[in-house]
Amino acid sequence: MKYLPLMLLLSAPAFADSYPYVEWKWEQKYINSLHDKTVNHLRAGMKWGNAYIEAGPMTDGESFETGVKFKGRNWKFKMKWEGENTTSLKHKVETEIRYNFR
């Protein structure tokens, strides 16, 4: 949660056109076909235009995500930075580019 104030400060100018939301995410993790553990995330977030930012508690720690999405007639672009702070900070950057042949 120590990253939430920094993320909110960097996105503050866009808050005029934003709206808040709450999200619950439920994950079932497996190793091969055996259930390993269940992880729950509860995140509060803000969305404005094509961008969003969210953070909150999760099972055994905290989680956060921020990203952008753009769509055209035949294409879609998504990029996000997502992480969790349990015993150490684990994070990733994910980018998707999709083109539909219509």
PDB file of N, CA and C in Angstrom:
ATOM      1  N   MET A   1       0.809  -1.197   0.000  1.00  0.00           N
ATOM      2  CA  MET A   1       0.000   0.000   0.000  1.00  0.00           C
ATOM      3  C   MET A   1       0.855   1.265   0.000  1.00  0.00           C
ATOM      4  N   LYS A   2       2.148   1.124   0.231  1.00  0.00           N
ATOM      5  CA  LYS A   2       2.989   2.307   0.250  1.00  0.00           C
ATOM      6  C   LYS A   2       3.106   2.944  -1.129  1.00  0.00           C
ATOM      7  N   TYR A   3       2.740   2.221  -2.195  1.00  0.00           N
ATOM      8  CA  TYR A   3       2.810   2.774  -3.551  1.00  0.00           C
ATOM      9  C   TYR A   3       1.542   3.535  -3.934  1.00  0.00           C
ATOM     10  N   LEU A   4       0.442   3.306  -3.211  1.00  0.00           N
ATOM     11  CA  LEU A   4      -0.823   3.959  -3.542  1.00  0.00           C
ATOM     12  C   LEU A   4      -0.743   5.482  -3.528  1.00  0.00           C
ATOM     13  N   PRO A   5      -0.166   6.127  -2.509  1.00  0.00           N
ATOM     14  CA  PRO A   5      -0.083   7.594  -2.544  1.00  0.00           C
ATOM     15  C   PRO A   5       0.689   8.120  -3.752  1.00  0.00           C
ATOM     16  N   LEU A   6       1.784   7.455  -4.115  1.00  0.00           N
ATOM     17  CA  LEU A   6       2.552   7.880  -5.289  1.00  0.00           C
ATOM     18  C   LEU A   6       1.722   7.731  -6.559  1.00  0.00           C
ATOM     19  N   MET A   7       1.019   6.618  -6.710  1.00  0.00           N
ATOM     20  CA  MET A   7       0.206   6.394  -7.895  1.00  0.00           C
ATOM     21  C   MET A   7      -0.936   7.406  -7.967  1.00  0.00           C
ATOM     22  N   LEU A   8      -1.547   7.717  -6.835  1.00  0.00           N
ATOM     23  CA  LEU A   8      -2.626   8.711  -6.816  1.00  0.00           C
ATOM     24  C   LEU A   8      -2.103  10.111  -7.135  1.00  0.00           C
ATOM     25  N   LEU A   9      -0.940  10.453  -6.610  1.00  0.00           N
ATOM     26  CA  LEU A   9      -0.354  11.769  -6.866  1.00  0.00           C
ATOM     27  C   LEU A   9      -0.031  11.948  -8.352  1.00  0.00           C
ATOM     28  N   LEU A  10       0.531  10.936  -8.980  1.00  0.00           N
ATOM     29  CA  LEU A  10       0.886  11.027 -10.393  1.00  0.00           C
ATOM     30  C   LEU A  10      -0.338  11.134 -11.301  1.00  0.00           C
ATOM     31  N   SER A  11      -1.459  10.620 -10.849  1.00  0.00           N
ATOM     32  CA  SER A  11      -2.656  10.652 -11.681  1.00  0.00           C
ATOM     33  C   SER A  11      -3.651  11.734 -11.253  1.00  0.00           C
ATOM     34  N   ALA A  12      -3.314  12.568 -10.300  1.00  0.00           N
ATOM     35  CA  ALA A  12      -4.227  13.578  -9.756  1.00  0.00           C
ATOM     36  C   ALA A  12      -4.820  14.529 -10.791  1.00  0.00           C
ATOM     37  N   PRO A  13      -4.074  15.026 -11.790  1.00  0.00           N
ATOM     38  CA  PRO A  13      -4.680  15.956 -12.758  1.00  0.00           C
ATOM     39  C   PRO A  13      -5.861  15.366 -13.516  1.00  0.00           C
ATOM     40  N   ALA A  14      -5.918  14.087 -13.654  1.00  0.00           N
ATOM     41  CA  ALA A  14      -7.002  13.464 -14.416  1.00  0.00           C
ATOM     42  C   ALA A  14      -8.238  13.172 -13.568  1.00  0.00           C
ATOM     43  N   PHE A  15      -8.201  13.393 -12.269  1.00  0.00           N
ATOM     44  CA  PHE A  15      -9.327  13.046 -11.402  1.00  0.00           C
ATOM     45  C   PHE A  15     -10.595  13.836 -11.704  1.00  0.00           C
ATOM     46  N   ALA A  16     -10.492  14.969 -12.367  1.00  0.00           N
ATOM     47  CA  ALA A  16     -11.682  15.766 -12.666  1.00  0.00           C
ATOM     48  C   ALA A  16     -12.674  14.986 -13.523  1.00  0.00           C
ATOM     49  N   ASP A  17     -12.192  14.131 -14.422  1.00  0.00           N
ATOM     50  CA  ASP A  17     -13.053  13.352 -15.307  1.00  0.00           C
ATOM     51  C   ASP A  17     -13.110  11.879 -14.908  1.00  0.00           C
ATOM     52  N   SER A  18     -12.887  11.588 -13.652  1.00  0.00           N
ATOM     53  CA  SER A  18     -12.784  10.196 -13.224  1.00  0.00           C
ATOM     54  C   SER A  18     -14.005   9.746 -12.432  1.00  0.00           C
ATOM     55  N   TYR A  19     -14.089   8.435 -12.222  1.00  0.00           N
ATOM     56  CA  TYR A  19     -15.106   7.894 -11.329  1.00  0.00           C
ATOM     57  C   TYR A  19     -14.504   6.719 -10.548  1.00  0.00           C
ATOM     58  N   PRO A  20     -14.916   6.542  -9.298  1.00  0.00           N
ATOM     59  CA  PRO A  20     -14.377   5.467  -8.460  1.00  0.00           C
ATOM     60  C   PRO A  20     -15.131   4.156  -8.680  1.00  0.00           C
ATOM     61  N   TYR A  21     -14.476   3.060  -8.331  1.00  0.00           N
ATOM     62  CA  TYR A  21     -15.126   1.750  -8.375  1.00  0.00           C
ATOM     63  C   TYR A  21     -14.453   0.827  -7.365  1.00  0.00           C
ATOM     64  N   VAL A  22     -15.100  -0.300  -7.096  1.00  0.00           N
ATOM     65  CA  VAL A  22     -14.557  -1.347  -6.228  1.00  0.00           C
ATOM     66  C   VAL A  22     -14.575  -2.639  -7.036  1.00  0.00           C
ATOM     67  N   GLU A  23     -13.498  -3.433  -6.901  1.00  0.00           N
ATOM     68  CA  GLU A  23     -13.396  -4.686  -7.644  1.00  0.00           C
ATOM     69  C   GLU A  23     -12.962  -5.796  -6.703  1.00  0.00           C
ATOM     70  N   TRP A  24     -13.589  -6.949  -6.835  1.00  0.00           N
ATOM     71  CA  TRP A  24     -13.179  -8.145  -6.105  1.00  0.00           C
ATOM     72  C   TRP A  24     -12.697  -9.163  -7.127  1.00  0.00           C
ATOM     73  N   LYS A  25     -11.526  -9.737  -6.911  1.00  0.00           N
ATOM     74  CA  LYS A  25     -10.939 -10.731  -7.809  1.00  0.00           C
ATOM     75  C   LYS A  25     -10.653 -11.989  -7.001  1.00  0.00           C
ATOM     76  N   TRP A  26     -11.039 -13.128  -7.536  1.00  0.00           N
ATOM     77  CA  TRP A  26     -10.904 -14.414  -6.863  1.00  0.00           C
ATOM     78  C   TRP A  26     -10.077 -15.326  -7.747  1.00  0.00           C
ATOM     79  N   GLU A  27      -8.957 -15.853  -7.236  1.00  0.00           N
ATOM     80  CA  GLU A  27      -8.081 -16.724  -8.005  1.00  0.00           C
ATOM     81  C   GLU A  27      -7.983 -18.100  -7.348  1.00  0.00           C
ATOM     82  N   GLN A  28      -8.057 -19.129  -8.173  1.00  0.00           N
ATOM     83  CA  GLN A  28      -7.802 -20.496  -7.741  1.00  0.00           C
ATOM     84  C   GLN A  28      -6.493 -20.911  -8.401  1.00  0.00           C
ATOM     85  N   LYS A  29      -5.473 -21.194  -7.618  1.00  0.00           N
ATOM     86  CA  LYS A  29      -4.158 -21.538  -8.169  1.00  0.00           C
ATOM     87  C   LYS A  29      -3.941 -23.048  -8.060  1.00  0.00           C
ATOM     88  N   TYR A  30      -3.354 -23.598  -9.130  1.00  0.00           N
ATOM     89  CA  TYR A  30      -3.113 -25.032  -9.212  1.00  0.00           C
ATOM     90  C   TYR A  30      -1.656 -25.310  -9.577  1.00  0.00           C
ATOM     91  N   ILE A  31      -1.165 -26.444  -9.124  1.00  0.00           N
ATOM     92  CA  ILE A  31       0.121 -26.984  -9.563  1.00  0.00           C
ATOM     93  C   ILE A  31      -0.236 -28.326 -10.192  1.00  0.00           C
ATOM     94  N   ASN A  32       0.057 -28.449 -11.490  1.00  0.00           N
ATOM     95  CA  ASN A  32      -0.438 -29.576 -12.291  1.00  0.00           C
ATOM     96  C   ASN A  32      -1.960 -29.580 -12.171  1.00  0.00           C
ATOM     97  N   SER A  33      -2.568 -30.609 -11.653  1.00  0.00           N
ATOM     98  CA  SER A  33      -4.020 -30.587 -11.502  1.00  0.00           C
ATOM     99  C   SER A  33      -4.451 -30.537 -10.037  1.00  0.00           C
ATOM    100  N   LEU A  34      -3.505 -30.251  -9.133  1.00  0.00           N
ATOM    101  CA  LEU A  34      -3.815 -30.188  -7.708  1.00  0.00           C
ATOM    102  C   LEU A  34      -4.009 -28.733  -7.264  1.00  0.00           C
ATOM    103  N   HIS A  35      -5.089 -28.494  -6.526  1.00  0.00           N
ATOM    104  CA  HIS A  35      -5.350 -27.148  -6.013  1.00  0.00           C
ATOM    105  C   HIS A  35      -4.271 -26.755  -5.018  1.00  0.00           C
ATOM    106  N   ASP A  36      -3.657 -25.585  -5.238  1.00  0.00           N
ATOM    107  CA  ASP A  36      -2.579 -25.117  -4.376  1.00  0.00           C
ATOM    108  C   ASP A  36      -3.095 -24.129  -3.342  1.00  0.00           C
ATOM    109  N   LYS A  37      -3.806 -23.076  -3.804  1.00  0.00           N
ATOM    110  CA  LYS A  37      -4.330 -22.093  -2.856  1.00  0.00           C
ATOM    111  C   LYS A  37      -5.361 -21.190  -3.519  1.00  0.00           C
ATOM    112  N   THR A  38      -6.111 -20.486  -2.679  1.00  0.00           N
ATOM    113  CA  THR A  38      -7.096 -19.506  -3.115  1.00  0.00           C
ATOM    114  C   THR A  38      -6.610 -18.134  -2.705  1.00  0.00           C
ATOM    115  N   VAL A  39      -6.680 -17.167  -3.615  1.00  0.00           N
ATOM    116  CA  VAL A  39      -6.255 -15.798  -3.330  1.00  0.00           C
ATOM    117  C   VAL A  39      -7.411 -14.856  -3.651  1.00  0.00           C
ATOM    118  N   ASN A  40      -7.747 -13.987  -2.715  1.00  0.00           N
ATOM    119  CA  ASN A  40      -8.783 -12.977  -2.894  1.00  0.00           C
ATOM    120  C   ASN A  40      -8.151 -11.593  -2.917  1.00  0.00           C
ATOM    121  N   HIS A  41      -8.611 -10.752  -3.840  1.00  0.00           N
ATOM    122  CA  HIS A  41      -8.167  -9.357  -3.935  1.00  0.00           C
ATOM    123  C   HIS A  41      -9.400  -8.469  -3.783  1.00  0.00           C
ATOM    124  N   LEU A  42      -9.302  -7.411  -3.019  1.00  0.00           N
ATOM    125  CA  LEU A  42     -10.339  -6.384  -2.936  1.00  0.00           C
ATOM    126  C   LEU A  42      -9.645  -5.065  -3.259  1.00  0.00           C
ATOM    127  N   ARG A  43     -10.002  -4.458  -4.388  1.00  0.00           N
ATOM    128  CA  ARG A  43      -9.315  -3.243  -4.835  1.00  0.00           C
ATOM    129  C   ARG A  43     -10.291  -2.094  -5.013  1.00  0.00           C
ATOM    130  N   ALA A  44      -9.874  -0.921  -4.565  1.00  0.00           N
ATOM    131  CA  ALA A  44     -10.581   0.326  -4.858  1.00  0.00           C
ATOM    132  C   ALA A  44      -9.830   0.977  -6.008  1.00  0.00           C
ATOM    133  N   GLY A  45     -10.572   1.565  -6.940  1.00  0.00           N
ATOM    134  CA  GLY A  45      -9.901   2.133  -8.099  1.00  0.00           C
ATOM    135  C   GLY A  45     -10.555   3.392  -8.613  1.00  0.00           C
ATOM    136  N   MET A  46      -9.858   4.030  -9.540  1.00  0.00           N
ATOM    137  CA  MET A  46     -10.352   5.218 -10.245  1.00  0.00           C
ATOM    138  C   MET A  46     -10.151   4.976 -11.734  1.00  0.00           C
ATOM    139  N   LYS A  47     -11.142   5.361 -12.532  1.00  0.00           N
ATOM    140  CA  LYS A  47     -11.046   5.239 -13.986  1.00  0.00           C
ATOM    141  C   LYS A  47     -11.334   6.592 -14.599  1.00  0.00           C
ATOM    142  N   TRP A  48     -10.540   6.954 -15.571  1.00  0.00           N
ATOM    143  CA  TRP A  48     -10.782   8.177 -16.329  1.00  0.00           C
ATOM    144  C   TRP A  48     -10.346   7.922 -17.759  1.00  0.00           C
ATOM    145  N   GLY A  49     -11.204   8.243 -18.692  1.00  0.00           N
ATOM    146  CA  GLY A  49     -10.886   8.015 -20.097  1.00  0.00           C
ATOM    147  C   GLY A  49     -10.467   6.580 -20.343  1.00  0.00           C
ATOM    148  N   ASN A  50      -9.280   6.398 -20.881  1.00  0.00           N
ATOM    149  CA  ASN A  50      -8.754   5.064 -21.189  1.00  0.00           C
ATOM    150  C   ASN A  50      -7.841   4.517 -20.105  1.00  0.00           C
ATOM    151  N   ALA A  51      -7.658   5.234 -19.012  1.00  0.00           N
ATOM    152  CA  ALA A  51      -6.700   4.831 -17.984  1.00  0.00           C
ATOM    153  C   ALA A  51      -7.402   4.467 -16.673  1.00  0.00           C
ATOM    154  N   TYR A  52      -6.739   3.660 -15.871  1.00  0.00           N
ATOM    155  CA  TYR A  52      -7.267   3.290 -14.563  1.00  0.00           C
ATOM    156  C   TYR A  52      -6.119   3.034 -13.592  1.00  0.00           C
ATOM    157  N   ILE A  53      -6.462   3.074 -12.301  1.00  0.00           N
ATOM    158  CA  ILE A  53      -5.505   2.786 -11.236  1.00  0.00           C
ATOM    159  C   ILE A  53      -6.294   2.158 -10.093  1.00  0.00           C
ATOM    160  N   GLU A  54      -5.757   1.100  -9.488  1.00  0.00           N
ATOM    161  CA  GLU A  54      -6.455   0.437  -8.389  1.00  0.00           C
ATOM    162  C   GLU A  54      -5.455  -0.205  -7.439  1.00  0.00           C
ATOM    163  N   ALA A  55      -5.844  -0.337  -6.182  1.00  0.00           N
ATOM    164  CA  ALA A  55      -4.993  -0.950  -5.160  1.00  0.00           C
ATOM    165  C   ALA A  55      -5.851  -1.384  -3.990  1.00  0.00           C
ATOM    166  N   GLY A  56      -5.345  -2.340  -3.223  1.00  0.00           N
ATOM    167  CA  GLY A  56      -6.071  -2.781  -2.041  1.00  0.00           C
ATOM    168  C   GLY A  56      -5.493  -4.041  -1.438  1.00  0.00           C
ATOM    169  N   PRO A  57      -6.155  -4.541  -0.374  1.00  0.00           N
ATOM    170  CA  PRO A  57      -5.657  -5.734   0.313  1.00  0.00           C
ATOM    171  C   PRO A  57      -5.933  -7.004  -0.494  1.00  0.00           C
ATOM    172  N   MET A  58      -5.113  -7.998  -0.260  1.00  0.00           N
ATOM    173  CA  MET A  58      -5.309  -9.328  -0.832  1.00  0.00           C
ATOM    174  C   MET A  58      -4.930 -10.354   0.220  1.00  0.00           C
ATOM    175  N   THR A  59      -5.208 -11.615  -0.039  1.00  0.00           N
ATOM    176  CA  THR A  59      -4.812 -12.674   0.870  1.00  0.00           C
ATOM    177  C   THR A  59      -3.295 -12.587   1.082  1.00  0.00           C
ATOM    178  N   ASP A  60      -2.855 -12.449   2.294  1.00  0.00           N
ATOM    179  CA  ASP A  60      -1.429 -12.400   2.653  1.00  0.00           C
ATOM    180  C   ASP A  60      -0.682 -11.183   2.117  1.00  0.00           C
ATOM    181  N   GLY A  61      -1.345 -10.036   1.894  1.00  0.00           N
ATOM    182  CA  GLY A  61      -0.598  -8.860   1.445  1.00  0.00           C
ATOM    183  C   GLY A  61      -1.451  -7.794   0.798  1.00  0.00           C
ATOM    184  N   GLU A  62      -0.875  -7.116  -0.201  1.00  0.00           N
ATOM    185  CA  GLU A  62      -1.530  -6.010  -0.918  1.00  0.00           C
ATOM    186  C   GLU A  62      -1.314  -6.216  -2.413  1.00  0.00           C
ATOM    187  N   SER A  63      -2.210  -5.653  -3.213  1.00  0.00           N
ATOM    188  CA  SER A  63      -2.041  -5.739  -4.662  1.00  0.00           C
ATOM    189  C   SER A  63      -2.406  -4.406  -5.301  1.00  0.00           C
ATOM    190  N   PHE A  64      -1.907  -4.174  -6.514  1.00  0.00           N
ATOM    191  CA  PHE A  64      -2.170  -2.920  -7.219  1.00  0.00           C
ATOM    192  C   PHE A  64      -2.075  -3.168  -8.722  1.00  0.00           C
ATOM    193  N   GLU A  65      -2.694  -2.261  -9.468  1.00  0.00           N
ATOM    194  CA  GLU A  65      -2.655  -2.347 -10.928  1.00  0.00           C
ATOM    195  C   GLU A  65      -2.945  -0.968 -11.506  1.00  0.00           C
ATOM    196  N   THR A  66      -2.284  -0.627 -12.589  1.00  0.00           N
ATOM    197  CA  THR A  66      -2.564   0.596 -13.327  1.00  0.00           C
ATOM    198  C   THR A  66      -2.343   0.300 -14.807  1.00  0.00           C
ATOM    199  N   GLY A  67      -3.139   0.929 -15.666  1.00  0.00           N
ATOM    200  CA  GLY A  67      -2.990   0.637 -17.081  1.00  0.00           C
ATOM    201  C   GLY A  67      -3.808   1.545 -17.972  1.00  0.00           C
ATOM    202  N   VAL A  68      -3.718   1.280 -19.271  1.00  0.00           N
ATOM    203  CA  VAL A  68      -4.461   2.022 -20.289  1.00  0.00           C
ATOM    204  C   VAL A  68      -5.002   1.042 -21.324  1.00  0.00           C
ATOM    205  N   LYS A  69      -6.106   1.440 -21.986  1.00  0.00           N
ATOM    206  CA  LYS A  69      -6.711   0.643 -23.050  1.00  0.00           C
ATOM    207  C   LYS A  69      -7.126   1.582 -24.171  1.00  0.00           C
ATOM    208  N   PHE A  70      -6.833   1.193 -25.405  1.00  0.00           N
ATOM    209  CA  PHE A  70      -7.251   1.959 -26.578  1.00  0.00           C
ATOM    210  C   PHE A  70      -7.872   0.993 -27.575  1.00  0.00           C
ATOM    211  N   LYS A  71      -8.955   1.433 -28.239  1.00  0.00           N
ATOM    212  CA  LYS A  71      -9.622   0.604 -29.238  1.00  0.00           C
ATOM    213  C   LYS A  71      -9.815   1.392 -30.519  1.00  0.00           C
ATOM    214  N   GLY A  72      -9.650   0.700 -31.620  1.00  0.00           N
ATOM    215  CA  GLY A  72      -9.992   1.222 -32.934  1.00  0.00           C
ATOM    216  C   GLY A  72     -11.023   0.293 -33.547  1.00  0.00           C
ATOM    217  N   ARG A  73     -11.332   0.483 -34.814  1.00  0.00           N
ATOM    218  CA  ARG A  73     -12.328  -0.387 -35.457  1.00  0.00           C
ATOM    219  C   ARG A  73     -11.859  -1.844 -35.486  1.00  0.00           C
ATOM    220  N   ASN A  74     -10.619  -2.085 -35.887  1.00  0.00           N
ATOM    221  CA  ASN A  74     -10.097  -3.447 -36.015  1.00  0.00           C
ATOM    222  C   ASN A  74      -8.987  -3.790 -35.033  1.00  0.00           C
ATOM    223  N   TRP A  75      -8.638  -2.888 -34.145  1.00  0.00           N
ATOM    224  CA  TRP A  75      -7.510  -3.165 -33.267  1.00  0.00           C
ATOM    225  C   TRP A  75      -7.819  -2.774 -31.826  1.00  0.00           C
ATOM    226  N   LYS A  76      -7.044  -3.361 -30.922  1.00  0.00           N
ATOM    227  CA  LYS A  76      -7.148  -3.043 -29.496  1.00  0.00           C
ATOM    228  C   LYS A  76      -5.741  -3.079 -28.914  1.00  0.00           C
ATOM    229  N   PHE A  77      -5.418  -2.120 -28.059  1.00  0.00           N
ATOM    230  CA  PHE A  77      -4.120  -2.035 -27.394  1.00  0.00           C
ATOM    231  C   PHE A  77      -4.366  -1.935 -25.895  1.00  0.00           C
ATOM    232  N   LYS A  78      -3.753  -2.813 -25.102  1.00  0.00           N
ATOM    233  CA  LYS A  78      -3.859  -2.766 -23.642  1.00  0.00           C
ATOM    234  C   LYS A  78      -2.461  -2.884 -23.049  1.00  0.00           C
ATOM    235  N   MET A  79      -2.193  -2.083 -22.033  1.00  0.00           N
ATOM    236  CA  MET A  79      -0.935  -2.172 -21.311  1.00  0.00           C
ATOM    237  C   MET A  79      -1.221  -1.964 -19.832  1.00  0.00           C
ATOM    238  N   LYS A  80      -0.624  -2.800 -18.971  1.00  0.00           N
ATOM    239  CA  LYS A  80      -0.832  -2.640 -17.532  1.00  0.00           C
ATOM    240  C   LYS A  80       0.416  -3.013 -16.764  1.00  0.00           C
ATOM    241  N   TRP A  81       0.525  -2.412 -15.573  1.00  0.00           N
ATOM    242  CA  TRP A  81       1.545  -2.764 -14.600  1.00  0.00           C
ATOM    243  C   TRP A  81       0.787  -3.287 -13.399  1.00  0.00           C
ATOM    244  N   GLU A  82       1.076  -4.519 -13.003  1.00  0.00           N
ATOM    245  CA  GLU A  82       0.358  -5.153 -11.904  1.00  0.00           C
ATOM    246  C   GLU A  82       1.366  -5.742 -10.935  1.00  0.00           C
ATOM    247  N   GLY A  83       1.051  -5.658  -9.655  1.00  0.00           N
ATOM    248  CA  GLY A  83       1.966  -6.210  -8.673  1.00  0.00           C
ATOM    249  C   GLY A  83       1.279  -6.597  -7.394  1.00  0.00           C
ATOM    250  N   GLU A  84       2.031  -7.309  -6.582  1.00  0.00           N
ATOM    251  CA  GLU A  84       1.555  -7.677  -5.258  1.00  0.00           C
ATOM    252  C   GLU A  84       2.725  -7.651  -4.294  1.00  0.00           C
ATOM    253  N   ASN A  85       2.412  -7.252  -3.093  1.00  0.00           N
ATOM    254  CA  ASN A  85       3.403  -7.157  -2.035  1.00  0.00           C
ATOM    255  C   ASN A  85       3.001  -8.146  -0.951  1.00  0.00           C
ATOM    256  N   THR A  86       3.617  -9.325  -0.959  1.00  0.00           N
ATOM    257  CA  THR A  86       3.344 -10.324   0.068  1.00  0.00           C
ATOM    258  C   THR A  86       4.589 -10.411   0.942  1.00  0.00           C
ATOM    259  N   THR A  87       5.479 -11.337   0.680  1.00  0.00           N
ATOM    260  CA  THR A  87       6.741 -11.371   1.420  1.00  0.00           C
ATOM    261  C   THR A  87       7.795 -10.534   0.704  1.00  0.00           C
ATOM    262  N   SER A  88       7.577 -10.279  -0.597  1.00  0.00           N
ATOM    263  CA  SER A  88       8.442  -9.403  -1.386  1.00  0.00           C
ATOM    264  C   SER A  88       7.577  -8.782  -2.486  1.00  0.00           C
ATOM    265  N   LEU A  89       8.071  -7.727  -3.108  1.00  0.00           N
ATOM    266  CA  LEU A  89       7.333  -7.064  -4.174  1.00  0.00           C
ATOM    267  C   LEU A  89       7.501  -7.850  -5.470  1.00  0.00           C
ATOM    268  N   LYS A  90       6.397  -8.394  -5.981  1.00  0.00           N
ATOM    269  CA  LYS A  90       6.393  -9.098  -7.264  1.00  0.00           C
ATOM    270  C   LYS A  90       5.552  -8.255  -8.211  1.00  0.00           C
ATOM    271  N   HIS A  91       6.066  -7.975  -9.398  1.00  0.00           N
ATOM    272  CA  HIS A  91       5.298  -7.169 -10.341  1.00  0.00           C
ATOM    273  C   HIS A  91       5.629  -7.545 -11.768  1.00  0.00           C
ATOM    274  N   LYS A  92       4.748  -7.104 -12.693  1.00  0.00           N
ATOM    275  CA  LYS A  92       4.934  -7.403 -14.108  1.00  0.00           C
ATOM    276  C   LYS A  92       4.318  -6.298 -14.948  1.00  0.00           C
ATOM    277  N   VAL A  93       4.820  -6.170 -16.162  1.00  0.00           N
ATOM    278  CA  VAL A  93       4.240  -5.290 -17.170  1.00  0.00           C
ATOM    279  C   VAL A  93       3.709  -6.201 -18.267  1.00  0.00           C
ATOM    280  N   GLU A  94       2.465  -5.976 -18.647  1.00  0.00           N
ATOM    281  CA  GLU A  94       1.827  -6.814 -19.660  1.00  0.00           C
ATOM    282  C   GLU A  94       1.279  -5.922 -20.766  1.00  0.00           C
ATOM    283  N   THR A  95       1.553  -6.276 -22.029  1.00  0.00           N
ATOM    284  CA  THR A  95       1.070  -5.519 -23.176  1.00  0.00           C
ATOM    285  C   THR A  95       0.367  -6.469 -24.133  1.00  0.00           C
ATOM    286  N   GLU A  96      -0.801  -6.060 -24.625  1.00  0.00           N
ATOM    287  CA  GLU A  96      -1.541  -6.839 -25.615  1.00  0.00           C
ATOM    288  C   GLU A  96      -1.867  -5.941 -26.793  1.00  0.00           C
ATOM    289  N   ILE A  97      -1.628  -6.449 -27.987  1.00  0.00           N
ATOM    290  CA  ILE A  97      -2.029  -5.760 -29.209  1.00  0.00           C
ATOM    291  C   ILE A  97      -2.817  -6.778 -30.029  1.00  0.00           C
ATOM    292  N   ARG A  98      -4.062  -6.428 -30.346  1.00  0.00           N
ATOM    293  CA  ARG A  98      -4.914  -7.344 -31.092  1.00  0.00           C
ATOM    294  C   ARG A  98      -5.404  -6.672 -32.366  1.00  0.00           C
ATOM    295  N   TYR A  99      -5.337  -7.396 -33.475  1.00  0.00           N
ATOM    296  CA  TYR A  99      -5.903  -6.926 -34.741  1.00  0.00           C
ATOM    297  C   TYR A  99      -6.930  -7.944 -35.207  1.00  0.00           C
ATOM    298  N   ASN A 100      -8.141  -7.483 -35.486  1.00  0.00           N
ATOM    299  CA  ASN A 100      -9.223  -8.353 -35.969  1.00  0.00           C
ATOM    300  C   ASN A 100      -9.327  -8.232 -37.482  1.00  0.00           C
ATOM    301  N   PHE A 101      -9.365  -9.377 -38.176  1.00  0.00           N
ATOM    302  CA  PHE A 101      -9.533  -9.394 -39.622  1.00  0.00           C
ATOM    303  C   PHE A 101     -11.027  -9.472 -39.917  1.00  0.00           C
ATOM    304  N   ARG A 102     -11.597  -8.354 -40.328  1.00  0.00           N
ATOM    305  CA  ARG A 102     -13.039  -8.298 -40.608  1.00  0.00           C
ATOM    306  C   ARG A 102     -13.265  -8.240 -42.086  1.00  0.00           C
TER     307      ARG A 102
END
